[in-house]
PDB file of N, CA and C in Angstrom:
ATOM      1  N   MET A   1      16.805  -8.217   4.021  1.00  0.00           N
ATOM      2  CA  MET A   1      15.922  -7.107   4.269  1.00  0.00           C
ATOM      3  C   MET A   1      14.850  -7.026   3.183  1.00  0.00           C
ATOM      4  N   GLU A   2      13.607  -6.856   3.609  1.00  0.00           N
ATOM      5  CA  GLU A   2      12.485  -6.685   2.639  1.00  0.00           C
ATOM      6  C   GLU A   2      12.567  -5.333   1.993  1.00  0.00           C
ATOM      7  N   LYS A   3      12.238  -5.218   0.684  1.00  0.00           N
ATOM      8  CA  LYS A   3      12.168  -4.038   0.013  1.00  0.00           C
ATOM      9  C   LYS A   3      10.863  -3.340   0.391  1.00  0.00           C
ATOM     10  N   LYS A   4      10.855  -1.991   0.755  1.00  0.00           N
ATOM     11  CA  LYS A   4       9.710  -1.280   1.161  1.00  0.00           C
ATOM     12  C   LYS A   4       9.464  -0.105   0.343  1.00  0.00           C
ATOM     13  N   GLU A   5       8.231   0.305   0.123  1.00  0.00           N
ATOM     14  CA  GLU A   5       7.896   1.577  -0.575  1.00  0.00           C
ATOM     15  C   GLU A   5       6.684   2.099   0.123  1.00  0.00           C
ATOM     16  N   ASN A   6       6.581   3.445   0.113  1.00  0.00           N
ATOM     17  CA  ASN A   6       5.208   3.898   0.452  1.00  0.00           C
ATOM     18  C   ASN A   6       4.276   3.721  -0.728  1.00  0.00           C
ATOM     19  N   LEU A   7       3.039   3.973  -0.496  1.00  0.00           N
ATOM     20  CA  LEU A   7       1.998   3.520  -1.494  1.00  0.00           C
ATOM     21  C   LEU A   7       2.050   4.450  -2.817  1.00  0.00           C
ATOM     22  N   ASP A   8       2.793   5.547  -2.744  1.00  0.00           N
ATOM     23  CA  ASP A   8       2.824   6.312  -4.061  1.00  0.00           C
ATOM     24  C   ASP A   8       4.119   5.982  -4.717  1.00  0.00           C
ATOM     25  N   GLY A   9       4.858   4.942  -4.260  1.00  0.00           N
ATOM     26  CA  GLY A   9       6.005   4.363  -4.963  1.00  0.00           C
ATOM     27  C   GLY A   9       7.319   4.883  -4.618  1.00  0.00           C
ATOM     28  N   ARG A  10       7.434   5.830  -3.763  1.00  0.00           N
ATOM     29  CA  ARG A  10       8.729   6.302  -3.457  1.00  0.00           C
ATOM     30  C   ARG A  10       9.448   5.211  -2.459  1.00  0.00           C
ATOM     31  N   ASN A  11      10.711   5.005  -2.793  1.00  0.00           N
ATOM     32  CA  ASN A  11      11.432   3.993  -2.036  1.00  0.00           C
ATOM     33  C   ASN A  11      11.697   4.491  -0.635  1.00  0.00           C
ATOM     34  N   LEU A  12      11.469   3.586   0.350  1.00  0.00           N
ATOM     35  CA  LEU A  12      11.599   3.968   1.764  1.00  0.00           C
ATOM     36  C   LEU A  12      12.828   3.434   2.273  1.00  0.00           C
ATOM     37  N   GLY A  13      13.591   2.622   1.590  1.00  0.00           N
ATOM     38  CA  GLY A  13      14.898   2.114   2.230  1.00  0.00           C
ATOM     39  C   GLY A  13      14.577   1.089   3.300  1.00  0.00           C
ATOM     40  N   SER A  14      15.301   1.187   4.436  1.00  0.00           N
ATOM     41  CA  SER A  14      15.183   0.112   5.359  1.00  0.00           C
ATOM     42  C   SER A  14      14.301   0.441   6.565  1.00  0.00           C
ATOM     43  N   GLY A  15      13.833   1.705   6.661  1.00  0.00           N
ATOM     44  CA  GLY A  15      13.004   2.078   7.822  1.00  0.00           C
ATOM     45  C   GLY A  15      11.722   2.725   7.430  1.00  0.00           C
ATOM     46  N   PRO A  16      10.791   2.656   8.348  1.00  0.00           N
ATOM     47  CA  PRO A  16       9.398   3.291   7.941  1.00  0.00           C
ATOM     48  C   PRO A  16       9.486   4.809   7.964  1.00  0.00           C
ATOM     49  N   VAL A  17       8.891   5.305   6.813  1.00  0.00           N
ATOM     50  CA  VAL A  17       8.798   6.776   6.587  1.00  0.00           C
ATOM     51  C   VAL A  17       7.354   6.973   6.139  1.00  0.00           C
ATOM     52  N   GLY A  18       6.709   7.900   6.798  1.00  0.00           N
ATOM     53  CA  GLY A  18       5.296   8.172   6.375  1.00  0.00           C
ATOM     54  C   GLY A  18       4.340   7.282   7.129  1.00  0.00           C
ATOM     55  N   ARG A  19       2.991   7.425   6.741  1.00  0.00           N
ATOM     56  CA  ARG A  19       2.009   6.685   7.420  1.00  0.00           C
ATOM     57  C   ARG A  19       1.845   5.256   6.953  1.00  0.00           C
ATOM     58  N   TRP A  20       1.841   5.020   5.714  1.00  0.00           N
ATOM     59  CA  TRP A  20       1.639   3.719   5.148  1.00  0.00           C
ATOM     60  C   TRP A  20       2.954   3.107   4.558  1.00  0.00           C
ATOM     61  N   ILE A  21       3.053   1.851   4.826  1.00  0.00           N
ATOM     62  CA  ILE A  21       4.213   1.080   4.279  1.00  0.00           C
ATOM     63  C   ILE A  21       3.671  -0.040   3.431  1.00  0.00           C
ATOM     64  N   ILE A  22       4.191  -0.225   2.330  1.00  0.00           N
ATOM     65  CA  ILE A  22       3.855  -1.436   1.568  1.00  0.00           C
ATOM     66  C   ILE A  22       5.136  -2.249   1.368  1.00  0.00           C
ATOM     67  N   TYR A  23       4.970  -3.497   1.729  1.00  0.00           N
ATOM     68  CA  TYR A  23       6.108  -4.442   1.470  1.00  0.00           C
ATOM     69  C   TYR A  23       5.926  -5.051   0.122  1.00  0.00           C
ATOM     70  N   ILE A  24       6.671  -4.478  -0.789  1.00  0.00           N
ATOM     71  CA  ILE A  24       6.372  -4.906  -2.248  1.00  0.00           C
ATOM     72  C   ILE A  24       6.703  -6.311  -2.498  1.00  0.00           C
ATOM     73  N   ASP A  25       7.599  -6.887  -1.689  1.00  0.00           N
ATOM     74  CA  ASP A  25       7.898  -8.326  -1.890  1.00  0.00           C
ATOM     75  C   ASP A  25       6.788  -9.203  -1.467  1.00  0.00           C
ATOM     76  N   LYS A  26       5.880  -8.670  -0.696  1.00  0.00           N
ATOM     77  CA  LYS A  26       4.662  -9.518  -0.246  1.00  0.00           C
ATOM     78  C   LYS A  26       3.452  -9.160  -1.207  1.00  0.00           C
ATOM     79  N   CYS A  27       3.502  -8.123  -1.818  1.00  0.00           N
ATOM     80  CA  CYS A  27       2.281  -7.720  -2.720  1.00  0.00           C
ATOM     81  C   CYS A  27       2.270  -8.623  -3.939  1.00  0.00           C
ATOM     82  N   THR A  28       1.127  -9.232  -4.190  1.00  0.00           N
ATOM     83  CA  THR A  28       0.941 -10.055  -5.301  1.00  0.00           C
ATOM     84  C   THR A  28       0.186  -9.384  -6.466  1.00  0.00           C
ATOM     85  N   GLY A  29      -0.246  -8.141  -6.173  1.00  0.00           N
ATOM     86  CA  GLY A  29      -1.019  -7.413  -7.206  1.00  0.00           C
ATOM     87  C   GLY A  29      -2.448  -7.952  -7.396  1.00  0.00           C
ATOM     88  N   CYS A  30      -2.969  -8.615  -6.437  1.00  0.00           N
ATOM     89  CA  CYS A  30      -4.303  -9.219  -6.452  1.00  0.00           C
ATOM     90  C   CYS A  30      -5.439  -8.218  -6.614  1.00  0.00           C
ATOM     91  N   GLY A  31      -5.161  -6.981  -6.073  1.00  0.00           N
ATOM     92  CA  GLY A  31      -6.254  -5.882  -6.140  1.00  0.00           C
ATOM     93  C   GLY A  31      -7.276  -5.873  -5.086  1.00  0.00           C
ATOM     94  N   GLU A  32      -7.178  -6.735  -4.059  1.00  0.00           N
ATOM     95  CA  GLU A  32      -8.172  -6.694  -2.913  1.00  0.00           C
ATOM     96  C   GLU A  32      -8.095  -5.360  -2.295  1.00  0.00           C
ATOM     97  N   CYS A  33      -7.037  -4.795  -2.098  1.00  0.00           N
ATOM     98  CA  CYS A  33      -6.798  -3.511  -1.422  1.00  0.00           C
ATOM     99  C   CYS A  33      -7.442  -2.387  -2.248  1.00  0.00           C
ATOM    100  N   VAL A  34      -7.329  -2.509  -3.491  1.00  0.00           N
ATOM    101  CA  VAL A  34      -7.850  -1.526  -4.456  1.00  0.00           C
ATOM    102  C   VAL A  34      -9.460  -1.557  -4.304  1.00  0.00           C
ATOM    103  N   ASP A  35     -10.026  -2.742  -4.296  1.00  0.00           N
ATOM    104  CA  ASP A  35     -11.396  -2.843  -4.179  1.00  0.00           C
ATOM    105  C   ASP A  35     -11.886  -2.342  -2.732  1.00  0.00           C
ATOM    106  N   ALA A  36     -11.123  -2.517  -1.775  1.00  0.00           N
ATOM    107  CA  ALA A  36     -11.404  -2.134  -0.407  1.00  0.00           C
ATOM    108  C   ALA A  36     -11.411  -0.619  -0.150  1.00  0.00           C
ATOM    109  N   CYS A  37     -10.682   0.123  -0.956  1.00  0.00           N
ATOM    110  CA  CYS A  37     -10.484   1.537  -0.758  1.00  0.00           C
ATOM    111  C   CYS A  37     -11.742   2.334  -1.230  1.00  0.00           C
ATOM    112  N   SER A  38     -12.526   2.847  -0.278  1.00  0.00           N
ATOM    113  CA  SER A  38     -13.802   3.472  -0.696  1.00  0.00           C
ATOM    114  C   SER A  38     -13.512   4.806  -1.393  1.00  0.00           C
ATOM    115  N   LEU A  39     -12.327   5.404  -1.250  1.00  0.00           N
ATOM    116  CA  LEU A  39     -11.970   6.667  -1.899  1.00  0.00           C
ATOM    117  C   LEU A  39     -11.387   6.465  -3.241  1.00  0.00           C
ATOM    118  N   GLY A  40     -11.104   5.313  -3.686  1.00  0.00           N
ATOM    119  CA  GLY A  40     -10.594   4.985  -5.026  1.00  0.00           C
ATOM    120  C   GLY A  40      -9.159   5.530  -5.213  1.00  0.00           C
ATOM    121  N   LEU A  41      -8.412   5.438  -4.149  1.00  0.00           N
ATOM    122  CA  LEU A  41      -7.039   6.049  -4.174  1.00  0.00           C
ATOM    123  C   LEU A  41      -5.922   5.025  -4.686  1.00  0.00           C
ATOM    124  N   LEU A  42      -6.266   3.715  -4.595  1.00  0.00           N
ATOM    125  CA  LEU A  42      -5.228   2.705  -4.922  1.00  0.00           C
ATOM    126  C   LEU A  42      -5.461   2.188  -6.363  1.00  0.00           C
ATOM    127  N   TYR A  43      -4.398   1.819  -6.974  1.00  0.00           N
ATOM    128  CA  TYR A  43      -4.407   1.156  -8.240  1.00  0.00           C
ATOM    129  C   TYR A  43      -3.192   0.173  -8.413  1.00  0.00           C
ATOM    130  N   ILE A  44      -3.295  -0.713  -9.372  1.00  0.00           N
ATOM    131  CA  ILE A  44      -2.162  -1.683  -9.599  1.00  0.00           C
ATOM    132  C   ILE A  44      -1.375  -1.227 -10.748  1.00  0.00           C
ATOM    133  N   GLU A  45      -0.067  -1.190 -10.594  1.00  0.00           N
ATOM    134  CA  GLU A  45       0.815  -0.883 -11.706  1.00  0.00           C
ATOM    135  C   GLU A  45       1.939  -1.844 -11.619  1.00  0.00           C
ATOM    136  N   ASN A  46       2.253  -2.458 -12.744  1.00  0.00           N
ATOM    137  CA  ASN A  46       3.399  -3.366 -12.758  1.00  0.00           C
ATOM    138  C   ASN A  46       3.164  -4.488 -11.686  1.00  0.00           C
ATOM    139  N   GLU A  47       1.965  -4.903 -11.477  1.00  0.00           N
ATOM    140  CA  GLU A  47       1.609  -6.004 -10.609  1.00  0.00           C
ATOM    141  C   GLU A  47       1.807  -5.595  -9.129  1.00  0.00           C
ATOM    142  N   LYS A  48       1.882  -4.375  -8.752  1.00  0.00           N
ATOM    143  CA  LYS A  48       2.077  -3.819  -7.372  1.00  0.00           C
ATOM    144  C   LYS A  48       1.148  -2.662  -7.120  1.00  0.00           C
ATOM    145  N   VAL A  49       0.683  -2.556  -5.904  1.00  0.00           N
ATOM    146  CA  VAL A  49      -0.278  -1.582  -5.536  1.00  0.00           C
ATOM    147  C   VAL A  49       0.448  -0.131  -5.402  1.00  0.00           C
ATOM    148  N   LYS A  50      -0.257   0.865  -5.833  1.00  0.00           N
ATOM    149  CA  LYS A  50       0.252   2.197  -5.742  1.00  0.00           C
ATOM    150  C   LYS A  50      -0.877   3.117  -5.299  1.00  0.00           C
ATOM    151  N   MET A  51      -0.600   4.246  -4.723  1.00  0.00           N
ATOM    152  CA  MET A  51      -1.602   5.136  -4.376  1.00  0.00           C
ATOM    153  C   MET A  51      -1.550   6.511  -5.080  1.00  0.00           C
ATOM    154  N   LYS A  52      -2.659   7.008  -5.515  1.00  0.00           N
ATOM    155  CA  LYS A  52      -2.705   8.205  -6.356  1.00  0.00           C
ATOM    156  C   LYS A  52      -2.407   9.402  -5.553  1.00  0.00           C
ATOM    157  N   GLU A  53      -2.997   9.690  -4.440  1.00  0.00           N
ATOM    158  CA  GLU A  53      -2.756  10.852  -3.648  1.00  0.00           C
ATOM    159  C   GLU A  53      -2.934  10.494  -2.148  1.00  0.00           C
ATOM    160  N   GLU A  54      -1.796  10.185  -1.528  1.00  0.00           N
ATOM    161  CA  GLU A  54      -1.792   9.838  -0.104  1.00  0.00           C
ATOM    162  C   GLU A  54      -2.440  10.828   0.790  1.00  0.00           C
ATOM    163  N   ARG A  55      -2.327  12.110   0.423  1.00  0.00           N
ATOM    164  CA  ARG A  55      -2.867  13.171   1.315  1.00  0.00           C
ATOM    165  C   ARG A  55      -4.390  13.084   1.454  1.00  0.00           C
ATOM    166  N   TYR A  56      -5.049  12.358   0.535  1.00  0.00           N
ATOM    167  CA  TYR A  56      -6.565  12.229   0.603  1.00  0.00           C
ATOM    168  C   TYR A  56      -6.951  10.985   1.325  1.00  0.00           C
ATOM    169  N   CYS A  57      -5.983  10.203   1.777  1.00  0.00           N
ATOM    170  CA  CYS A  57      -6.297   8.925   2.486  1.00  0.00           C
ATOM    171  C   CYS A  57      -6.944   9.303   3.861  1.00  0.00           C
ATOM    172  N   SER A  58      -7.990   8.544   4.153  1.00  0.00           N
ATOM    173  CA  SER A  58      -8.754   8.797   5.363  1.00  0.00           C
ATOM    174  C   SER A  58      -8.146   7.944   6.565  1.00  0.00           C
ATOM    175  N   GLU A  59      -7.215   7.056   6.256  1.00  0.00           N
ATOM    176  CA  GLU A  59      -6.502   6.277   7.300  1.00  0.00           C
ATOM    177  C   GLU A  59      -7.466   5.318   7.859  1.00  0.00           C
ATOM    178  N   CYS A  60      -8.437   4.760   7.132  1.00  0.00           N
ATOM    179  CA  CYS A  60      -9.449   3.840   7.618  1.00  0.00           C
ATOM    180  C   CYS A  60      -8.801   2.435   7.795  1.00  0.00           C
ATOM    181  N   GLU A  61      -7.745   2.198   7.076  1.00  0.00           N
ATOM    182  CA  GLU A  61      -7.079   0.966   7.085  1.00  0.00           C
ATOM    183  C   GLU A  61      -7.778  -0.219   6.457  1.00  0.00           C
ATOM    184  N   ASP A  62      -8.873   0.047   5.707  1.00  0.00           N
ATOM    185  CA  ASP A  62      -9.547  -1.030   4.998  1.00  0.00           C
ATOM    186  C   ASP A  62      -8.664  -1.781   4.028  1.00  0.00           C
ATOM    187  N   CYS A  63      -7.794  -0.981   3.412  1.00  0.00           N
ATOM    188  CA  CYS A  63      -6.877  -1.689   2.483  1.00  0.00           C
ATOM    189  C   CYS A  63      -5.904  -2.699   3.081  1.00  0.00           C
ATOM    190  N   ALA A  64      -5.426  -2.299   4.280  1.00  0.00           N
ATOM    191  CA  ALA A  64      -4.521  -3.161   4.982  1.00  0.00           C
ATOM    192  C   ALA A  64      -5.300  -4.411   5.438  1.00  0.00           C
ATOM    193  N   SER A  65      -6.533  -4.223   5.907  1.00  0.00           N
ATOM    194  CA  SER A  65      -7.326  -5.267   6.404  1.00  0.00           C
ATOM    195  C   SER A  65      -7.664  -6.193   5.261  1.00  0.00           C
ATOM    196  N   ALA A  66      -7.876  -5.736   4.029  1.00  0.00           N
ATOM    197  CA  ALA A  66      -8.236  -6.562   2.897  1.00  0.00           C
ATOM    198  C   ALA A  66      -7.116  -7.373   2.387  1.00  0.00           C
ATOM    199  N   CYS A  67      -5.811  -6.981   2.717  1.00  0.00           N
ATOM    200  CA  CYS A  67      -4.689  -7.713   2.241  1.00  0.00           C
ATOM    201  C   CYS A  67      -4.339  -9.013   2.977  1.00  0.00           C
ATOM    202  N   ALA A  68      -4.574 -10.107   2.291  1.00  0.00           N
ATOM    203  CA  ALA A  68      -4.390 -11.430   2.884  1.00  0.00           C
ATOM    204  C   ALA A  68      -2.906 -11.720   2.988  1.00  0.00           C
ATOM    205  N   PHE A  69      -2.030 -10.903   2.371  1.00  0.00           N
ATOM    206  CA  PHE A  69      -0.604 -11.222   2.401  1.00  0.00           C
ATOM    207  C   PHE A  69       0.110 -10.235   3.318  1.00  0.00           C
ATOM    208  N   ARG A  70      -0.557  -9.357   4.015  1.00  0.00           N
ATOM    209  CA  ARG A  70      -0.044  -8.437   4.976  1.00  0.00           C
ATOM    210  C   ARG A  70       1.025  -7.569   4.339  1.00  0.00           C
ATOM    211  N   ALA A  71       0.788  -7.077   3.125  1.00  0.00           N
ATOM    212  CA  ALA A  71       1.698  -6.338   2.364  1.00  0.00           C
ATOM    213  C   ALA A  71       1.566  -4.836   2.729  1.00  0.00           C
ATOM    214  N   ILE A  72       0.467  -4.467   3.270  1.00  0.00           N
ATOM    215  CA  ILE A  72       0.235  -3.029   3.685  1.00  0.00           C
ATOM    216  C   ILE A  72       0.082  -2.965   5.151  1.00  0.00           C
ATOM    217  N   THR A  73       0.895  -2.012   5.785  1.00  0.00           N
ATOM    218  CA  THR A  73       0.716  -1.718   7.209  1.00  0.00           C
ATOM    219  C   THR A  73       0.631  -0.232   7.397  1.00  0.00           C
ATOM    220  N   PHE A  74       0.052   0.090   8.513  1.00  0.00           N
ATOM    221  CA  PHE A  74      -0.129   1.427   8.891  1.00  0.00           C
ATOM    222  C   PHE A  74       0.838   1.793  10.041  1.00  0.00           C
ATOM    223  N   ARG A  75       1.570   2.865   9.981  1.00  0.00           N
ATOM    224  CA  ARG A  75       2.557   3.275  11.009  1.00  0.00           C
ATOM    225  C   ARG A  75       2.195   4.590  11.603  1.00  0.00           C
TER     226      ARG A  75
END
């Protein structure tokens, strides 16, 4: 089973909780999603993506589209 977290780093266990899911095993920390976020809500910490304030997310999905590793999904 892949380890999942939402973008603000809370562990989600085995099922989706919330709007955004990050598959941290797939995240390489490349920062493409950070660059794609027009609101500046994403950052890299310990080589993994995190979100500052999920409530401000516009749900545009640009970060998920920018991720070549499909580490971010919208639910």
